Amino acid sequence: VLSDGEDADSSTSSSNRRDLRDAIYATCQRCQLLNDTPFVASTTTEDSSSRTSSVLDETTIHQFSDPEFDAWVIQLDQYLMELQNRLFSSGLHTLGQAPSQDDIEAYLRAYYDERLTD
């Protein structure tokens, strides 16, 4: 139930958001996605002359702003979509059939992108 002045977007408590961050981080760590999509937030010092970088880990996960964390989640989503499109480009419907030479080459090109040499 929302009280006066609250809307549906603001009803998500900081506790729920904190739990969600923990779950996202734990899942990425368990699936070893942190190396593939590292979270690095840059901060500017008071004099704006130097920048330092902080890496996401168990001790710093709640130190970053919601927009910084959300930007990383978007980056993670884009990576997972690219991975899905590359790895399953030929589809699993061909299970049980040996792939043709063209299918193998197409799969390897999709997987390795520009790093594949003939």
N, C-alpha and C. Protein backbone atom coordinates (compact mmCIF):
# COMPACT_ATOMS: atom_id res chain seq x y z
N VAL A 1 0.85 -1.17 0.00
CA VAL A 1 0.00 0.00 0.00
C VAL A 1 0.89 1.23 0.00
N LEU A 2 0.63 2.15 -0.94
CA LEU A 2 1.43 3.36 -1.05
C LEU A 2 0.80 4.46 -0.23
N SER A 3 1.62 5.19 0.50
CA SER A 3 1.11 6.33 1.25
C SER A 3 1.04 7.55 0.34
N ASP A 4 0.44 8.62 0.82
CA ASP A 4 0.32 9.84 0.03
C ASP A 4 1.70 10.30 -0.43
N GLY A 5 1.82 10.64 -1.70
CA GLY A 5 3.07 11.17 -2.24
C GLY A 5 4.00 10.10 -2.79
N GLU A 6 3.69 8.84 -2.57
CA GLU A 6 4.54 7.78 -3.09
C GLU A 6 4.00 7.27 -4.41
N ASP A 7 4.88 6.84 -5.27
CA ASP A 7 4.45 6.20 -6.51
C ASP A 7 5.05 4.80 -6.56
N ALA A 8 4.68 4.03 -7.55
CA ALA A 8 5.12 2.64 -7.64
C ALA A 8 6.63 2.53 -7.75
N ASP A 9 7.28 3.48 -8.45
CA ASP A 9 8.73 3.41 -8.61
C ASP A 9 9.47 3.62 -7.31
N SER A 10 8.96 4.44 -6.44
CA SER A 10 9.65 4.71 -5.19
C SER A 10 9.31 3.71 -4.11
N SER A 11 8.41 2.77 -4.40
CA SER A 11 8.01 1.80 -3.39
C SER A 11 9.06 0.72 -3.16
N THR A 12 10.02 0.60 -4.08
CA THR A 12 11.09 -0.38 -3.90
C THR A 12 12.01 0.13 -2.81
N SER A 13 12.07 -0.60 -1.73
CA SER A 13 12.88 -0.15 -0.60
C SER A 13 14.36 -0.33 -0.88
N SER A 14 15.15 0.43 -0.15
CA SER A 14 16.59 0.30 -0.32
C SER A 14 17.06 -1.08 0.11
N SER A 15 16.34 -1.69 1.03
CA SER A 15 16.67 -3.05 1.46
C SER A 15 16.49 -4.04 0.32
N ASN A 16 15.40 -3.91 -0.44
CA ASN A 16 15.18 -4.80 -1.57
C ASN A 16 16.23 -4.58 -2.64
N ARG A 17 16.57 -3.31 -2.88
CA ARG A 17 17.59 -3.00 -3.89
C ARG A 17 18.94 -3.55 -3.47
N ARG A 18 19.23 -3.47 -2.18
CA ARG A 18 20.48 -4.00 -1.64
C ARG A 18 20.53 -5.52 -1.84
N ASP A 19 19.42 -6.19 -1.54
CA ASP A 19 19.35 -7.64 -1.73
C ASP A 19 19.52 -8.01 -3.20
N LEU A 20 18.94 -7.22 -4.07
CA LEU A 20 19.05 -7.47 -5.51
C LEU A 20 20.49 -7.31 -5.97
N ARG A 21 21.16 -6.29 -5.48
CA ARG A 21 22.58 -6.12 -5.81
C ARG A 21 23.38 -7.33 -5.38
N ASP A 22 23.12 -7.79 -4.15
CA ASP A 22 23.84 -8.96 -3.64
C ASP A 22 23.60 -10.18 -4.52
N ALA A 23 22.36 -10.37 -4.93
CA ALA A 23 22.00 -11.53 -5.76
C ALA A 23 22.65 -11.44 -7.14
N ILE A 24 22.64 -10.26 -7.73
CA ILE A 24 23.25 -10.08 -9.05
C ILE A 24 24.75 -10.34 -8.97
N TYR A 25 25.39 -9.75 -7.96
CA TYR A 25 26.83 -9.94 -7.80
C TYR A 25 27.17 -11.41 -7.56
N ALA A 26 26.44 -12.07 -6.67
CA ALA A 26 26.71 -13.48 -6.36
C ALA A 26 26.54 -14.36 -7.59
N THR A 27 25.51 -14.09 -8.38
CA THR A 27 25.28 -14.87 -9.60
C THR A 27 26.40 -14.65 -10.60
N CYS A 28 26.82 -13.42 -10.77
CA CYS A 28 27.92 -13.12 -11.71
C CYS A 28 29.22 -13.76 -11.24
N GLN A 29 29.44 -13.75 -9.94
CA GLN A 29 30.65 -14.37 -9.40
C GLN A 29 30.60 -15.88 -9.61
N ARG A 30 29.47 -16.49 -9.32
CA ARG A 30 29.31 -17.94 -9.45
C ARG A 30 29.47 -18.39 -10.91
N CYS A 31 28.99 -17.56 -11.84
CA CYS A 31 29.07 -17.89 -13.27
C CYS A 31 30.35 -17.38 -13.91
N GLN A 32 31.22 -16.80 -13.12
CA GLN A 32 32.50 -16.27 -13.57
C GLN A 32 32.34 -15.21 -14.66
N LEU A 33 31.35 -14.34 -14.50
CA LEU A 33 31.11 -13.27 -15.46
C LEU A 33 31.86 -11.99 -15.10
N LEU A 34 32.42 -11.91 -13.91
CA LEU A 34 33.09 -10.68 -13.48
C LEU A 34 34.34 -10.40 -14.30
N ASN A 35 34.99 -11.43 -14.81
CA ASN A 35 36.15 -11.21 -15.66
C ASN A 35 35.73 -10.75 -17.05
N ASP A 36 34.58 -11.23 -17.51
CA ASP A 36 34.09 -10.88 -18.84
C ASP A 36 33.48 -9.49 -18.88
N THR A 37 32.84 -9.09 -17.80
CA THR A 37 32.19 -7.78 -17.73
C THR A 37 32.58 -7.11 -16.41
N PRO A 38 33.81 -6.67 -16.31
CA PRO A 38 34.25 -6.07 -15.04
C PRO A 38 33.52 -4.77 -14.75
N PHE A 39 33.25 -4.56 -13.49
CA PHE A 39 32.64 -3.31 -13.02
C PHE A 39 33.78 -2.42 -12.54
N VAL A 40 33.94 -1.29 -13.18
CA VAL A 40 34.94 -0.32 -12.74
C VAL A 40 34.27 1.04 -12.74
N ALA A 41 34.19 1.63 -11.56
CA ALA A 41 33.58 2.96 -11.45
C ALA A 41 34.70 3.97 -11.23
N SER A 42 34.70 5.00 -12.01
CA SER A 42 35.71 6.05 -11.87
C SER A 42 35.13 7.19 -11.07
N THR A 43 35.93 7.70 -10.17
CA THR A 43 35.51 8.84 -9.36
C THR A 43 36.53 9.95 -9.50
N THR A 44 36.05 11.16 -9.42
CA THR A 44 36.91 12.32 -9.53
C THR A 44 37.16 12.88 -8.13
N THR A 45 38.39 13.28 -7.85
CA THR A 45 38.70 13.85 -6.56
C THR A 45 38.14 15.26 -6.47
N GLU A 46 38.18 15.85 -5.29
CA GLU A 46 37.60 17.17 -5.06
C GLU A 46 38.14 18.23 -6.00
N ASP A 47 39.43 18.18 -6.30
CA ASP A 47 40.01 19.19 -7.18
C ASP A 47 39.83 18.85 -8.67
N SER A 48 39.17 17.74 -8.96
CA SER A 48 38.86 17.29 -10.32
C SER A 48 40.11 17.05 -11.17
N SER A 49 41.26 16.94 -10.53
CA SER A 49 42.48 16.79 -11.31
C SER A 49 42.87 15.34 -11.53
N SER A 50 42.48 14.46 -10.65
CA SER A 50 42.88 13.07 -10.83
C SER A 50 41.67 12.16 -10.68
N ARG A 51 41.81 11.00 -11.26
CA ARG A 51 40.72 10.03 -11.22
C ARG A 51 41.25 8.73 -10.62
N THR A 52 40.44 8.11 -9.82
CA THR A 52 40.79 6.81 -9.28
C THR A 52 39.70 5.82 -9.70
N SER A 53 40.05 4.58 -9.77
CA SER A 53 39.09 3.55 -10.15
C SER A 53 38.89 2.59 -9.00
N SER A 54 37.67 2.15 -8.83
CA SER A 54 37.34 1.17 -7.81
C SER A 54 36.69 -0.02 -8.50
N VAL A 55 37.06 -1.19 -8.07
CA VAL A 55 36.54 -2.41 -8.66
C VAL A 55 35.49 -3.00 -7.73
N LEU A 56 34.45 -3.56 -8.31
CA LEU A 56 33.37 -4.17 -7.55
C LEU A 56 33.84 -5.47 -6.91
N ASP A 57 33.61 -5.61 -5.62
CA ASP A 57 33.83 -6.87 -4.92
C ASP A 57 32.92 -6.91 -3.71
N GLU A 58 33.06 -7.95 -2.89
CA GLU A 58 32.15 -8.12 -1.76
C GLU A 58 32.20 -6.95 -0.79
N THR A 59 33.34 -6.29 -0.69
CA THR A 59 33.47 -5.20 0.27
C THR A 59 33.02 -3.84 -0.28
N THR A 60 32.95 -3.72 -1.60
CA THR A 60 32.61 -2.42 -2.18
C THR A 60 31.27 -2.38 -2.89
N ILE A 61 30.55 -3.49 -2.92
CA ILE A 61 29.34 -3.59 -3.73
C ILE A 61 28.30 -2.53 -3.41
N HIS A 62 28.22 -2.11 -2.16
CA HIS A 62 27.19 -1.13 -1.78
C HIS A 62 27.73 0.29 -1.69
N GLN A 63 28.95 0.51 -2.13
CA GLN A 63 29.54 1.85 -2.09
C GLN A 63 29.25 2.65 -3.35
N PHE A 64 28.76 2.00 -4.38
CA PHE A 64 28.55 2.68 -5.65
C PHE A 64 27.12 3.17 -5.76
N SER A 65 26.95 4.22 -6.52
CA SER A 65 25.61 4.78 -6.70
C SER A 65 24.74 3.85 -7.53
N ASP A 66 23.44 4.03 -7.40
CA ASP A 66 22.51 3.24 -8.19
C ASP A 66 22.74 3.42 -9.69
N PRO A 67 22.95 4.64 -10.19
CA PRO A 67 23.20 4.79 -11.63
C PRO A 67 24.47 4.06 -12.10
N GLU A 68 25.53 4.06 -11.28
CA GLU A 68 26.75 3.34 -11.65
C GLU A 68 26.50 1.84 -11.72
N PHE A 69 25.81 1.32 -10.72
CA PHE A 69 25.52 -0.11 -10.71
C PHE A 69 24.57 -0.48 -11.84
N ASP A 70 23.56 0.36 -12.07
CA ASP A 70 22.61 0.10 -13.15
C ASP A 70 23.29 0.10 -14.51
N ALA A 71 24.27 0.98 -14.70
CA ALA A 71 25.01 1.03 -15.96
C ALA A 71 25.77 -0.28 -16.17
N TRP A 72 26.32 -0.82 -15.08
CA TRP A 72 27.03 -2.10 -15.19
C TRP A 72 26.06 -3.23 -15.51
N VAL A 73 24.87 -3.21 -14.92
CA VAL A 73 23.87 -4.25 -15.20
C VAL A 73 23.47 -4.20 -16.68
N ILE A 74 23.37 -3.01 -17.23
CA ILE A 74 23.05 -2.87 -18.66
C ILE A 74 24.19 -3.45 -19.50
N GLN A 75 25.43 -3.15 -19.11
CA GLN A 75 26.60 -3.71 -19.80
C GLN A 75 26.58 -5.23 -19.71
N LEU A 76 26.26 -5.76 -18.55
CA LEU A 76 26.17 -7.21 -18.35
C LEU A 76 25.09 -7.81 -19.24
N ASP A 77 23.94 -7.17 -19.31
CA ASP A 77 22.85 -7.65 -20.15
C ASP A 77 23.26 -7.68 -21.62
N GLN A 78 23.93 -6.64 -22.07
CA GLN A 78 24.38 -6.59 -23.46
C GLN A 78 25.39 -7.70 -23.75
N TYR A 79 26.28 -7.95 -22.81
CA TYR A 79 27.26 -9.02 -22.98
C TYR A 79 26.56 -10.38 -23.09
N LEU A 80 25.59 -10.62 -22.20
CA LEU A 80 24.89 -11.90 -22.22
C LEU A 80 24.08 -12.09 -23.51
N MET A 81 23.50 -11.02 -24.00
CA MET A 81 22.76 -11.12 -25.26
C MET A 81 23.71 -11.42 -26.42
N GLU A 82 24.87 -10.78 -26.44
CA GLU A 82 25.86 -11.05 -27.49
C GLU A 82 26.35 -12.49 -27.39
N LEU A 83 26.59 -12.94 -26.19
CA LEU A 83 27.04 -14.31 -25.99
C LEU A 83 25.98 -15.30 -26.47
N GLN A 84 24.75 -15.04 -26.14
CA GLN A 84 23.66 -15.90 -26.59
C GLN A 84 23.57 -15.94 -28.12
N ASN A 85 23.66 -14.79 -28.73
CA ASN A 85 23.56 -14.72 -30.19
C ASN A 85 24.73 -15.41 -30.88
N ARG A 86 25.91 -15.32 -30.29
CA ARG A 86 27.08 -15.95 -30.90
C ARG A 86 27.09 -17.45 -30.70
N LEU A 87 26.86 -17.89 -29.49
CA LEU A 87 27.00 -19.31 -29.19
C LEU A 87 25.88 -20.16 -29.73
N PHE A 88 24.71 -19.59 -29.89
CA PHE A 88 23.57 -20.38 -30.33
C PHE A 88 23.08 -19.94 -31.69
N SER A 89 23.99 -19.42 -32.50
CA SER A 89 23.60 -18.92 -33.81
C SER A 89 23.11 -20.04 -34.72
N SER A 90 23.62 -21.25 -34.54
CA SER A 90 23.17 -22.34 -35.40
C SER A 90 22.00 -23.09 -34.79
N GLY A 91 21.69 -22.83 -33.55
CA GLY A 91 20.52 -23.43 -32.91
C GLY A 91 20.79 -24.82 -32.38
N LEU A 92 20.03 -25.18 -31.37
CA LEU A 92 20.17 -26.50 -30.78
C LEU A 92 19.28 -27.53 -31.47
N HIS A 93 18.48 -27.10 -32.43
CA HIS A 93 17.60 -28.02 -33.12
C HIS A 93 18.37 -29.03 -33.97
N THR A 94 19.67 -28.81 -34.15
CA THR A 94 20.48 -29.71 -34.97
C THR A 94 21.15 -30.78 -34.12
N LEU A 95 20.77 -30.88 -32.85
CA LEU A 95 21.36 -31.87 -31.97
C LEU A 95 21.19 -33.27 -32.57
N GLY A 96 22.27 -34.01 -32.61
CA GLY A 96 22.22 -35.36 -33.17
C GLY A 96 22.69 -35.44 -34.61
N GLN A 97 22.87 -34.29 -35.24
CA GLN A 97 23.37 -34.26 -36.60
C GLN A 97 24.76 -33.67 -36.60
N ALA A 98 25.64 -34.27 -37.36
CA ALA A 98 26.98 -33.71 -37.48
C ALA A 98 26.91 -32.42 -38.27
N PRO A 99 27.57 -31.37 -37.79
CA PRO A 99 27.53 -30.10 -38.52
C PRO A 99 28.35 -30.18 -39.81
N SER A 100 27.91 -29.43 -40.80
CA SER A 100 28.67 -29.38 -42.06
C SER A 100 29.90 -28.50 -41.85
N GLN A 101 30.81 -28.55 -42.80
CA GLN A 101 32.02 -27.71 -42.72
C GLN A 101 31.64 -26.23 -42.67
N ASP A 102 30.62 -25.83 -43.45
CA ASP A 102 30.16 -24.43 -43.45
C ASP A 102 29.58 -24.06 -42.08
N ASP A 103 28.83 -24.97 -41.46
CA ASP A 103 28.27 -24.71 -40.13
C ASP A 103 29.36 -24.54 -39.09
N ILE A 104 30.38 -25.38 -39.17
CA ILE A 104 31.50 -25.27 -38.23
C ILE A 104 32.21 -23.93 -38.39
N GLU A 105 32.48 -23.55 -39.63
CA GLU A 105 33.15 -22.27 -39.88
C GLU A 105 32.30 -21.10 -39.41
N ALA A 106 31.00 -21.14 -39.66
CA ALA A 106 30.11 -20.06 -39.23
C ALA A 106 30.08 -19.97 -37.71
N TYR A 107 30.05 -21.11 -37.04
CA TYR A 107 30.05 -21.12 -35.59
C TYR A 107 31.35 -20.53 -35.04
N LEU A 108 32.47 -20.95 -35.60
CA LEU A 108 33.77 -20.45 -35.12
C LEU A 108 33.92 -18.96 -35.39
N ARG A 109 33.43 -18.49 -36.53
CA ARG A 109 33.49 -17.05 -36.82
C ARG A 109 32.62 -16.27 -35.83
N ALA A 110 31.46 -16.79 -35.52
CA ALA A 110 30.58 -16.12 -34.57
C ALA A 110 31.21 -16.10 -33.18
N TYR A 111 31.84 -17.19 -32.80
CA TYR A 111 32.42 -17.30 -31.47
C TYR A 111 33.67 -16.46 -31.31
N TYR A 112 34.57 -16.53 -32.30
CA TYR A 112 35.86 -15.85 -32.20
C TYR A 112 35.89 -14.48 -32.83
N ASP A 113 34.87 -14.11 -33.55
CA ASP A 113 34.77 -12.80 -34.17
C ASP A 113 35.99 -12.52 -35.02
N GLU A 114 36.65 -11.40 -34.84
CA GLU A 114 37.78 -10.99 -35.68
C GLU A 114 39.05 -11.78 -35.37
N ARG A 115 39.08 -12.50 -34.26
CA ARG A 115 40.31 -13.20 -33.85
C ARG A 115 40.53 -14.48 -34.64
N LEU A 116 39.55 -14.92 -35.42
CA LEU A 116 39.69 -16.16 -36.18
C LEU A 116 40.43 -15.88 -37.49
N THR A 117 41.44 -16.69 -37.73
CA THR A 117 42.18 -16.58 -38.99
C THR A 117 41.93 -17.82 -39.80
N ASP A 118 42.00 -17.68 -41.11
CA ASP A 118 41.73 -18.83 -42.01
C ASP A 118 42.85 -19.80 -42.03
